């Protein structure tokens, strides 16, 4: 039994999972959903699994996967099974399960629940364009290849003709029984014959997700509400395979102050930013626990163990929780003030005063200091989170470029460095020079703008070496904040 009185899925031991994609920096939304999966599993004496969804090999990055592991462990969460710890249901990377998905796609074809689609990209584009021209409300696939006889389909596939595998979506309706939202009914006329297996043999999210959850014996799927629209497709897949569904719990999305979905344009979304900005891991975890859930008795400060003990689903609020940085700072302050002097010293050393970090600063400033006491004022921006640009605000500009275009340009540089794998001074400089060329800006003006934005000073150690040591999170946060400040002049 779960704490709110409902039975677990099929009364089996509780098994839950998170399945992040290793395509960028570890997102606070991943930690948020991981927290509720972890808490529920531990309360029920169950298992918490980490699975890596890396079927999109064009975007998957090895460094991103490692950052996910490191960030979740930093915040205080661990998993019972996963790529790095093993377990009885592996492999736990989807890219290593390709044969499993192909086998299950073939099973659906044999059962008449799926079919091969041989349509080319050109034909699909033409069909879509025709639907748009006709103002058709449904822009999905026209099911052309459903009419291909099985024998012909087998022969064409055997001959090596490129194809995908699509799910046969029946007529009628499908009901998703969400434990937080009740029954949600979907009209199947508005659901496409989803691609399950791509032409390269890799699965889409839908097939891999359902097959993995079933084979890994996941009993409860606890994920963000943005996946509700995908759930009817998953229910149809469970029905096509003849499998029992897990219990569905779709958590409310984290929101910006304006109630829009949390995004990197308005809030830092990388867990690593909060680590680098001096937020204590248990304060961040406590804060995430307040997102959409109430401890009770108006209590806002609690430990992970206390949350496990007190957790009930009926205290979930479906209104979008606001990810308010001032509230996180307030909570972090409470935790800091409770630390002993020795604990606070240890926290500071672990944050930025550790020897390996200081050793990166020394080569940058050693020729700029005459006495040891020059070191601290020469490096203050390496130990700050957000900068105060009051003294240099008027100089945050590029000659003969409108403020709005300067702001847009800075955000363009952010996009460039985010798309680049790795973080080193040579790569940062190469992107900056390509960025200047694309914008038609002189490097000396653009680089001074970057220096002012990143350090708040006209003079500093070498710009790109400084950015490399400062780190990705603080660098891009300052670029975005400066762009916002400059944009307000437009």
Protein backbone atom coordinates (compact mmCIF):
# COMPACT_ATOMS: atom_id res chain seq x y z
CA UNK A 1 0.00 0.00 0.00
CA UNK A 2 1.16 3.54 -0.69
CA UNK A 3 0.69 6.25 1.90
CA UNK A 4 -2.48 7.68 0.28
CA UNK A 5 -4.26 4.33 0.38
CA UNK A 6 -4.04 3.31 -3.29
CA UNK A 7 -2.47 0.01 -4.27
CA UNK A 8 0.81 -0.09 -6.09
CA UNK A 9 0.79 -1.11 -9.76
CA UNK A 10 -0.16 -4.81 -9.78
CA UNK A 11 0.79 -4.85 -6.06
CA UNK A 12 4.42 -5.41 -7.06
CA UNK A 13 7.40 -3.99 -5.18
CA UNK A 14 7.75 -0.33 -6.07
CA UNK A 15 10.26 0.43 -8.82
CA UNK A 16 10.58 3.97 -10.21
CA UNK A 17 13.02 5.66 -12.56
CA UNK A 18 14.26 8.86 -14.04
CA UNK A 19 15.51 8.82 -17.61
CA UNK A 20 17.39 12.01 -18.54
CA UNK A 21 18.90 12.59 -21.97
CA UNK A 22 22.63 13.41 -21.95
CA UNK A 23 22.36 16.34 -24.34
CA UNK A 24 23.39 19.29 -22.21
CA UNK A 25 23.92 20.45 -18.67
CA UNK A 26 22.11 18.71 -15.79
CA UNK A 27 18.74 20.44 -15.45
CA UNK A 28 17.11 21.40 -12.14
CA UNK A 29 13.94 19.83 -13.54
CA UNK A 30 15.77 16.49 -13.62
CA UNK A 31 16.70 16.87 -9.95
CA UNK A 32 13.11 17.92 -9.13
CA UNK A 33 11.57 14.82 -10.73
CA UNK A 34 14.38 12.62 -9.41
CA UNK A 35 13.66 13.84 -5.88
CA UNK A 36 10.02 12.78 -5.93
CA UNK A 37 10.88 9.41 -7.49
CA UNK A 38 13.57 8.87 -4.86
CA UNK A 39 11.35 9.90 -1.94
CA UNK A 40 8.47 7.66 -3.03
CA UNK A 41 10.76 4.68 -3.63
CA UNK A 42 12.52 5.00 -0.28
CA UNK A 43 9.26 5.45 1.59
CA UNK A 44 7.89 2.28 0.02
CA UNK A 45 11.05 0.23 0.44
CA UNK A 46 11.39 0.15 -3.34
CA UNK A 47 14.08 0.79 -5.93
CA UNK A 48 15.09 4.01 -7.66
CA UNK A 49 16.62 3.53 -11.11
CA UNK A 50 18.60 5.90 -13.31
CA UNK A 51 18.34 5.20 -17.04
CA UNK A 52 20.09 7.21 -19.77
CA UNK A 53 17.93 7.96 -22.82
CA UNK A 54 20.60 8.48 -25.46
CA UNK A 55 18.88 7.21 -28.59
CA UNK A 56 19.47 10.58 -30.26
CA UNK A 57 23.12 9.88 -30.89
CA UNK A 58 23.59 13.12 -32.83
CA UNK A 59 23.01 15.10 -29.62
CA UNK A 60 24.18 12.70 -26.91
CA UNK A 61 27.40 13.70 -25.14
CA UNK A 62 29.58 11.61 -22.84
CA UNK A 63 30.49 14.65 -20.74
CA UNK A 64 26.79 15.41 -20.27
CA UNK A 65 26.12 11.92 -18.94
CA UNK A 66 28.90 12.27 -16.37
CA UNK A 67 27.61 15.70 -15.35
CA UNK A 68 24.19 14.15 -14.68
CA UNK A 69 25.76 11.57 -12.39
CA UNK A 70 27.90 14.17 -10.60
CA UNK A 71 25.12 16.75 -10.21
CA UNK A 72 22.55 14.34 -8.80
CA UNK A 73 25.06 12.94 -6.35
CA UNK A 74 26.12 16.47 -5.36
CA UNK A 75 22.54 17.41 -4.57
CA UNK A 76 22.21 14.32 -2.38
CA UNK A 77 20.44 11.70 -4.50
CA UNK A 78 21.72 8.21 -5.24
CA UNK A 79 20.23 5.36 -7.28
CA UNK A 80 19.96 1.62 -6.76
CA UNK A 81 20.49 0.69 -10.41
CA UNK A 82 22.01 2.56 -13.33
CA UNK A 83 24.75 2.68 -15.97
CA UNK A 84 27.49 3.39 -13.47
CA UNK A 85 26.34 1.10 -10.65
CA UNK A 86 24.89 -1.80 -12.64
CA UNK A 87 21.85 -3.86 -11.72
CA UNK A 88 19.83 -6.91 -12.81
CA UNK A 89 17.89 -5.14 -15.58
CA UNK A 90 20.71 -3.60 -17.62
CA UNK A 91 21.99 -2.26 -19.85
CA UNK A 92 20.79 1.09 -18.53
CA UNK A 93 21.78 3.11 -21.59
CA UNK A 94 19.24 2.95 -24.39
CA UNK A 95 21.96 3.07 -27.04
CA UNK A 96 23.08 -0.33 -25.75
CA UNK A 97 19.58 -1.84 -26.11
CA UNK A 98 19.07 -1.40 -29.86
CA UNK A 99 18.49 -5.12 -30.53
CA UNK A 100 15.81 -5.25 -27.83
CA UNK A 101 13.80 -2.47 -29.49
CA UNK A 102 14.10 -4.03 -32.95
CA UNK A 103 12.82 -7.32 -31.56
CA UNK A 104 9.80 -5.64 -29.96
CA UNK A 105 9.02 -3.58 -33.06
CA UNK A 106 9.02 -6.80 -35.11
CA UNK A 107 6.70 -8.38 -32.55
CA UNK A 108 4.18 -5.57 -33.06
CA UNK A 109 4.39 -5.99 -36.84
CA UNK A 110 3.68 -9.71 -36.49
CA UNK A 111 0.69 -8.99 -34.26
CA UNK A 112 -0.73 -6.51 -36.73
CA UNK A 113 -0.25 -3.63 -34.28
CA UNK A 114 2.44 -1.82 -36.32
CA UNK A 115 3.58 -1.55 -39.93
CA UNK A 116 6.56 -0.55 -42.00
CA UNK A 117 6.37 2.86 -43.64
CA UNK A 118 8.46 3.37 -46.79
CA UNK A 119 7.49 6.99 -47.43
CA UNK A 120 10.38 9.28 -48.26
CA UNK A 121 11.03 12.55 -46.53
CA UNK A 122 10.02 14.35 -49.71
CA UNK A 123 6.63 12.65 -49.80
CA UNK A 124 5.99 13.38 -46.13
CA UNK A 125 6.80 17.06 -46.72
CA UNK A 126 4.43 17.19 -49.70
CA UNK A 127 1.61 15.58 -47.72
CA UNK A 128 2.09 18.04 -44.87
CA UNK A 129 2.18 21.03 -47.24
CA UNK A 130 -1.04 19.85 -48.87
CA UNK A 131 -2.74 19.50 -45.48
CA UNK A 132 -1.65 23.00 -44.50
CA UNK A 133 -2.94 24.40 -47.81
CA UNK A 134 -6.26 22.63 -47.26
CA UNK A 135 -6.38 23.98 -43.68
CA UNK A 136 -6.61 20.44 -42.35
CA UNK A 137 -6.66 20.49 -38.54
CA UNK A 138 -4.71 17.21 -38.41
CA UNK A 139 -1.21 17.49 -39.88
CA UNK A 140 -0.09 13.97 -39.02
CA UNK A 141 0.90 11.17 -41.34
CA UNK A 142 -1.79 10.15 -43.85
CA UNK A 143 -1.31 6.40 -43.13
CA UNK A 144 -0.45 5.72 -46.76
CA UNK A 145 1.68 2.65 -45.98
CA UNK A 146 -0.97 1.01 -43.83
CA UNK A 147 -2.34 -0.34 -47.14
CA UNK A 148 0.90 -2.12 -48.04
CA UNK A 149 0.34 -5.87 -47.82
CA UNK A 150 2.48 -7.71 -45.28
CA UNK A 151 4.15 -9.91 -47.91
CA UNK A 152 5.12 -6.86 -49.96
CA UNK A 153 6.34 -5.07 -46.83
CA UNK A 154 8.52 -8.04 -45.86
CA UNK A 155 9.98 -8.27 -49.36
CA UNK A 156 10.79 -4.58 -49.58
CA UNK A 157 12.42 -4.62 -46.16
CA UNK A 158 14.41 -7.74 -47.05
CA UNK A 159 15.62 -5.97 -50.19
CA UNK A 160 17.05 -3.22 -48.05
CA UNK A 161 14.51 -0.47 -48.80
CA UNK A 162 14.66 2.27 -46.18
CA UNK A 163 11.70 2.38 -43.84
CA UNK A 164 10.47 3.23 -40.37
CA UNK A 165 8.05 1.27 -38.21
CA UNK A 166 4.81 3.00 -37.20
CA UNK A 167 2.21 2.17 -34.57
CA UNK A 168 -1.33 1.52 -35.80
CA UNK A 169 -3.44 4.01 -33.86
CA UNK A 170 -7.03 2.71 -33.74
CA UNK A 171 -10.18 4.77 -33.96
CA UNK A 172 -12.03 5.97 -30.88
CA UNK A 173 -10.68 7.28 -27.60
CA UNK A 174 -8.06 6.34 -25.03
CA UNK A 175 -8.22 7.11 -21.33
CA UNK A 176 -5.15 7.95 -19.26
CA UNK A 177 -5.72 7.28 -15.57
CA UNK A 178 -3.42 9.69 -13.83
CA UNK A 179 -3.10 9.28 -10.05
CA UNK A 180 -2.85 13.05 -9.57
CA UNK A 181 -5.27 14.33 -12.21
CA UNK A 182 -7.89 11.62 -12.55
CA UNK A 183 -9.02 10.27 -15.90
CA UNK A 184 -7.96 12.22 -18.98
CA UNK A 185 -9.61 11.22 -22.27
CA UNK A 186 -7.89 11.67 -25.64
CA UNK A 187 -9.49 11.55 -29.10
CA UNK A 188 -7.44 9.12 -31.18
CA UNK A 189 -8.38 10.94 -34.36
CA UNK A 190 -5.86 13.59 -33.29
CA UNK A 191 -3.03 11.15 -32.62
CA UNK A 192 -0.56 10.31 -35.36
CA UNK A 193 0.58 6.81 -36.31
CA UNK A 194 3.73 7.33 -34.28
CA UNK A 195 7.12 6.27 -35.56
CA UNK A 196 8.46 3.59 -33.22
CA UNK A 197 11.65 2.56 -34.98
CA UNK A 198 13.62 4.98 -37.16
CA UNK A 199 15.24 4.10 -40.47
CA UNK A 200 18.64 3.76 -38.78
CA UNK A 201 17.22 1.09 -36.48
CA UNK A 202 17.19 3.33 -33.41
CA UNK A 203 13.94 3.60 -31.46
CA UNK A 204 11.98 6.75 -30.88
CA UNK A 205 11.33 7.92 -27.34
CA UNK A 206 7.90 6.27 -27.29
CA UNK A 207 8.98 2.71 -28.06
CA UNK A 208 12.15 2.78 -25.97
CA UNK A 209 10.36 4.32 -23.01
CA UNK A 210 7.58 1.74 -22.89
CA UNK A 211 9.76 -1.30 -23.61
CA UNK A 212 12.33 -0.27 -21.01
CA UNK A 213 9.77 0.54 -18.35
CA UNK A 214 8.13 -2.86 -18.85
CA UNK A 215 11.34 -4.89 -18.96
CA UNK A 216 12.77 -3.02 -15.98
CA UNK A 217 9.51 -3.69 -14.10
CA UNK A 218 8.77 -0.04 -13.43
CA UNK A 219 5.59 0.15 -11.36
CA UNK A 220 5.08 3.93 -11.17
CA UNK A 221 6.00 6.52 -13.81
CA UNK A 222 6.54 9.84 -12.04
CA UNK A 223 7.42 12.55 -14.54
CA UNK A 224 6.63 16.14 -15.51
CA UNK A 225 3.22 17.12 -16.83
CA UNK A 226 4.68 18.02 -20.24
CA UNK A 227 4.63 14.27 -20.96
CA UNK A 228 0.86 13.97 -20.55
CA UNK A 229 0.32 14.45 -24.28
CA UNK A 230 2.65 11.48 -24.95
CA UNK A 231 0.97 9.20 -22.45
CA UNK A 232 -1.95 8.10 -24.68
CA UNK A 233 0.63 6.83 -27.19
CA UNK A 234 2.30 4.93 -24.37
CA UNK A 235 -1.02 3.50 -23.18
CA UNK A 236 -1.70 2.31 -26.73
CA UNK A 237 1.70 0.62 -26.80
CA UNK A 238 1.06 -1.15 -23.50
CA UNK A 239 -2.25 -2.36 -24.92
CA UNK A 240 -0.61 -3.46 -28.19
CA UNK A 241 1.94 -5.54 -26.30
CA UNK A 242 -0.67 -6.86 -23.88
CA UNK A 243 1.19 -5.49 -20.86
CA UNK A 244 -0.11 -3.90 -17.67
CA UNK A 245 0.40 -0.15 -17.46
CA UNK A 246 2.37 1.46 -14.66
CA UNK A 247 0.68 3.96 -12.37
CA UNK A 248 0.94 7.41 -13.94
CA UNK A 249 1.86 10.49 -11.88
CA UNK A 250 2.46 13.71 -13.84
CA UNK A 251 4.05 16.33 -11.63
CA UNK A 252 3.43 20.07 -12.14
CA UNK A 253 6.04 21.91 -14.17
CA UNK A 254 8.45 24.33 -12.55
CA UNK A 255 7.54 27.89 -13.50
CA UNK A 256 9.22 31.27 -13.82
CA UNK A 257 7.78 34.20 -11.88
CA UNK A 258 5.53 35.02 -14.84
CA UNK A 259 4.18 31.43 -14.71
CA UNK A 260 5.87 30.45 -17.97
CA UNK A 261 7.72 27.13 -18.01
CA UNK A 262 11.12 27.50 -16.38
CA UNK A 263 13.70 28.26 -19.02
CA UNK A 264 17.35 29.20 -19.19
CA UNK A 265 16.40 32.58 -20.68
CA UNK A 266 14.73 33.64 -17.43
CA UNK A 267 16.27 31.47 -14.72
CA UNK A 268 19.46 29.45 -14.41
CA UNK A 269 18.35 25.86 -15.03
CA UNK A 270 21.64 23.98 -14.64
CA UNK A 271 22.21 22.29 -11.30
CA UNK A 272 25.87 23.22 -11.71
CA UNK A 273 25.02 26.93 -11.64
CA UNK A 274 23.57 26.62 -8.13
CA UNK A 275 26.61 24.65 -7.00
CA UNK A 276 28.97 27.28 -8.41
CA UNK A 277 26.90 30.18 -7.05
CA UNK A 278 27.25 28.91 -3.48
CA UNK A 279 23.94 27.19 -2.86
CA UNK A 280 24.24 24.32 -0.38
CA UNK A 281 23.11 20.99 -1.87
CA UNK A 282 20.67 20.18 0.93
CA UNK A 283 19.16 23.68 0.62
CA UNK A 284 18.55 23.13 -3.11
CA UNK A 285 17.03 19.71 -2.45
CA UNK A 286 14.78 21.18 0.26
CA UNK A 287 13.73 23.95 -2.13
CA UNK A 288 12.86 21.44 -4.86
CA UNK A 289 10.81 19.53 -2.31
CA UNK A 290 8.64 22.63 -1.86
CA UNK A 291 7.91 22.72 -5.59
CA UNK A 292 4.37 21.40 -5.83
CA UNK A 293 4.34 19.62 -2.47
CA UNK A 294 3.52 20.68 1.07
CA UNK A 295 5.17 19.19 4.14
CA UNK A 296 2.22 20.28 6.27
CA UNK A 297 1.80 22.72 9.15
CA UNK A 298 3.24 25.50 6.95
CA UNK A 299 6.69 23.98 7.41
CA UNK A 300 9.19 24.94 4.72
CA UNK A 301 12.50 23.64 6.04
CA UNK A 302 13.03 19.90 6.24
CA UNK A 303 15.61 17.22 5.55
CA UNK A 304 15.44 14.57 2.86
CA UNK A 305 14.82 11.90 5.50
CA UNK A 306 11.97 13.95 6.96
CA UNK A 307 10.44 14.35 3.49
CA UNK A 308 10.60 10.59 2.94
CA UNK A 309 8.79 10.00 6.21
CA UNK A 310 6.09 12.65 5.64
CA UNK A 311 5.45 12.23 1.91
CA UNK A 312 1.90 11.69 0.63
CA UNK A 313 0.54 12.20 -2.88
CA UNK A 314 -2.49 14.12 -1.61
CA UNK A 315 -0.21 17.04 -0.68
CA UNK A 316 0.82 17.59 -4.29
CA UNK A 317 -0.52 20.86 -5.69
CA UNK A 318 -1.07 20.89 -9.44
CA UNK A 319 -0.71 24.66 -9.75
CA UNK A 320 2.62 25.50 -11.36
CA UNK A 321 5.19 25.96 -8.58
CA UNK A 322 7.23 29.15 -9.00
CA UNK A 323 11.00 28.64 -9.02
CA UNK A 324 11.74 31.82 -7.09
CA UNK A 325 15.45 32.49 -6.63
CA UNK A 326 14.83 34.81 -3.68
CA UNK A 327 13.06 31.98 -1.87
CA UNK A 328 15.98 29.64 -2.56
CA UNK A 329 18.44 32.26 -1.28
CA UNK A 330 16.33 32.71 1.88
CA UNK A 331 16.32 28.97 2.49
CA UNK A 332 20.04 28.70 1.80
CA UNK A 333 20.68 31.46 4.33
CA UNK A 334 18.78 29.46 6.97
CA UNK A 335 21.00 26.45 6.37
CA UNK A 336 24.20 28.50 6.37
CA UNK A 337 23.33 30.12 9.70
CA UNK A 338 22.83 26.71 11.26
CA UNK A 339 26.32 25.54 10.33
CA UNK A 340 29.04 25.60 12.95
CA UNK A 341 32.08 27.73 12.22
CA UNK A 342 34.03 24.62 11.28
CA UNK A 343 31.22 23.32 9.03
CA UNK A 344 30.94 26.67 7.28
CA UNK A 345 34.69 26.75 6.74
CA UNK A 346 34.51 23.26 5.24
CA UNK A 347 31.64 24.35 2.98
CA UNK A 348 33.61 27.36 1.74
CA UNK A 349 36.66 25.23 1.04
CA UNK A 350 34.57 22.71 -0.89
CA UNK A 351 32.92 25.54 -2.84
CA UNK A 352 35.73 27.78 -4.10
CA UNK A 353 38.56 27.89 -1.56
CA UNK A 354 39.90 24.46 -2.36
CA UNK A 355 43.50 24.23 -3.54
CA UNK A 356 42.76 23.00 -7.07
CA UNK A 357 40.57 26.03 -7.81
CA UNK A 358 43.04 28.53 -6.35
CA UNK A 359 45.80 26.87 -8.35
CA UNK A 360 43.90 27.75 -11.54
CA UNK A 361 43.76 31.42 -10.54
CA UNK A 362 47.40 31.82 -9.62
CA UNK A 363 48.79 31.70 -13.19
CA UNK A 364 46.24 34.30 -14.27
CA UNK A 365 47.11 36.93 -11.65
CA UNK A 366 50.65 36.23 -10.44
CA UNK A 367 52.14 38.95 -12.67
CA UNK A 368 49.50 41.41 -11.49
CA UNK A 369 50.14 41.26 -7.76
CA UNK A 370 53.02 42.65 -5.70
CA UNK A 371 51.93 41.39 -2.29
CA UNK A 372 49.80 38.47 -1.18
CA UNK A 373 47.09 40.82 -0.04
CA UNK A 374 46.67 41.94 -3.67
CA UNK A 375 45.36 38.52 -4.58
CA UNK A 376 41.86 38.87 -3.12
CA UNK A 377 40.93 42.22 -4.73
CA UNK A 378 42.44 41.01 -8.01
CA UNK A 379 40.19 37.96 -8.11
CA UNK A 380 36.88 38.95 -6.52
CA UNK A 381 34.84 38.21 -9.66
CA UNK A 382 36.05 34.60 -9.54
CA UNK A 383 34.25 34.22 -6.20
CA UNK A 384 31.05 36.13 -7.00
CA UNK A 385 27.80 34.88 -8.45
CA UNK A 386 25.98 37.76 -10.14
CA UNK A 387 27.93 40.98 -10.78
CA UNK A 388 26.94 44.57 -10.15
CA UNK A 389 27.46 46.43 -13.43
CA UNK A 390 26.70 49.90 -12.05
CA UNK A 391 30.26 51.19 -12.55
CA UNK A 392 30.57 49.93 -16.12
CA UNK A 393 26.94 49.95 -17.32
CA UNK A 394 27.46 52.84 -19.72
CA UNK A 395 30.34 50.98 -21.37
CA UNK A 396 28.41 47.78 -22.03
CA UNK A 397 28.13 48.61 -25.70
CA UNK A 398 29.56 48.12 -29.18
CA UNK A 399 30.22 51.27 -31.25
CA UNK A 400 27.51 52.04 -33.79
CA UNK A 401 25.40 49.03 -32.73
CA UNK A 402 21.93 49.52 -31.23
CA UNK A 403 21.51 48.24 -27.64
CA UNK A 404 18.88 45.73 -28.73
CA UNK A 405 21.32 44.25 -31.24
CA UNK A 406 24.12 44.17 -28.68
CA UNK A 407 21.83 42.25 -26.31
CA UNK A 408 20.83 39.87 -29.09
CA UNK A 409 24.48 39.43 -30.02
CA UNK A 410 25.47 38.44 -26.48
CA UNK A 411 22.73 35.83 -26.41
CA UNK A 412 24.02 34.56 -29.73
CA UNK A 413 27.43 33.98 -28.18
CA UNK A 414 25.75 32.09 -25.34
CA UNK A 415 24.07 29.84 -27.89
CA UNK A 416 27.42 29.18 -29.54
CA UNK A 417 29.25 28.19 -26.37
CA UNK A 418 26.34 26.05 -25.19
CA UNK A 419 26.34 24.08 -28.44
CA UNK A 420 30.06 23.42 -28.17
CA UNK A 421 31.20 20.33 -26.31
CA UNK A 422 33.85 20.99 -23.72
CA UNK A 423 34.90 24.21 -21.98
CA UNK A 424 38.41 25.50 -22.66
CA UNK A 425 39.95 28.84 -23.54
CA UNK A 426 40.90 27.86 -27.10
CA UNK A 427 37.35 26.82 -27.93
CA UNK A 428 35.86 29.90 -26.30
CA UNK A 429 38.15 32.16 -28.31
CA UNK A 430 37.46 30.33 -31.57
CA UNK A 431 33.73 30.71 -31.05
CA UNK A 432 34.18 34.38 -30.15
CA UNK A 433 36.11 35.13 -33.33
CA UNK A 434 33.56 33.30 -35.48
CA UNK A 435 30.82 35.19 -33.61
CA UNK A 436 32.48 38.57 -34.31
CA UNK A 437 32.85 37.71 -37.97
CA UNK A 438 29.21 36.64 -38.25
CA UNK A 439 28.02 39.87 -36.64
CA UNK A 440 30.48 42.13 -38.42
CA UNK A 441 31.84 43.40 -35.10
CA UNK A 442 35.50 44.29 -34.55
CA UNK A 443 37.13 41.82 -32.20
CA UNK A 444 38.63 44.55 -30.00
CA UNK A 445 35.16 46.00 -29.32
CA UNK A 446 33.43 42.64 -28.88
CA UNK A 447 36.15 41.26 -26.64
CA UNK A 448 36.05 44.36 -24.42
CA UNK A 449 32.29 43.89 -24.11
CA UNK A 450 32.81 40.26 -23.08
CA UNK A 451 35.50 41.29 -20.58
CA UNK A 452 33.20 43.86 -18.95
CA UNK A 453 30.33 41.38 -18.83
CA UNK A 454 32.34 38.49 -17.41
CA UNK A 455 34.50 40.40 -14.91
CA UNK A 456 32.85 43.78 -14.42
CA UNK A 457 36.26 45.35 -15.13
CA UNK A 458 38.08 46.95 -18.05
CA UNK A 459 41.32 45.19 -17.16
CA UNK A 460 41.61 41.54 -16.20
CA UNK A 461 43.75 38.48 -16.88
CA UNK A 462 43.47 37.01 -20.40
CA UNK A 463 39.78 37.00 -21.26
CA UNK A 464 39.21 33.45 -22.44
CA UNK A 465 41.48 31.88 -19.82
CA UNK A 466 39.41 33.82 -17.27
CA UNK A 467 36.15 32.46 -18.71
CA UNK A 468 37.54 28.93 -18.74
CA UNK A 469 38.43 29.07 -15.05
CA UNK A 470 35.25 30.90 -14.05
CA UNK A 471 33.22 28.06 -15.54
CA UNK A 472 30.35 27.66 -17.94
CA UNK A 473 27.52 28.29 -15.49
CA UNK A 474 28.64 31.65 -14.10
CA UNK A 475 29.92 32.85 -17.47
CA UNK A 476 26.66 32.31 -19.33
CA UNK A 477 24.60 33.60 -16.40
CA UNK A 478 26.54 36.90 -16.57
CA UNK A 479 26.19 37.05 -20.35
CA UNK A 480 22.41 36.64 -20.06
CA UNK A 481 22.08 39.16 -17.24
CA UNK A 482 24.13 41.73 -19.12
CA UNK A 483 22.05 41.14 -22.26
CA UNK A 484 18.91 41.79 -20.25
CA UNK A 485 20.37 44.98 -18.80
CA UNK A 486 21.49 46.25 -22.21
CA UNK A 487 18.20 45.28 -23.81
CA UNK A 488 16.30 47.53 -21.41
CA UNK A 489 17.95 50.55 -23.03
CA UNK A 490 16.31 49.80 -26.36
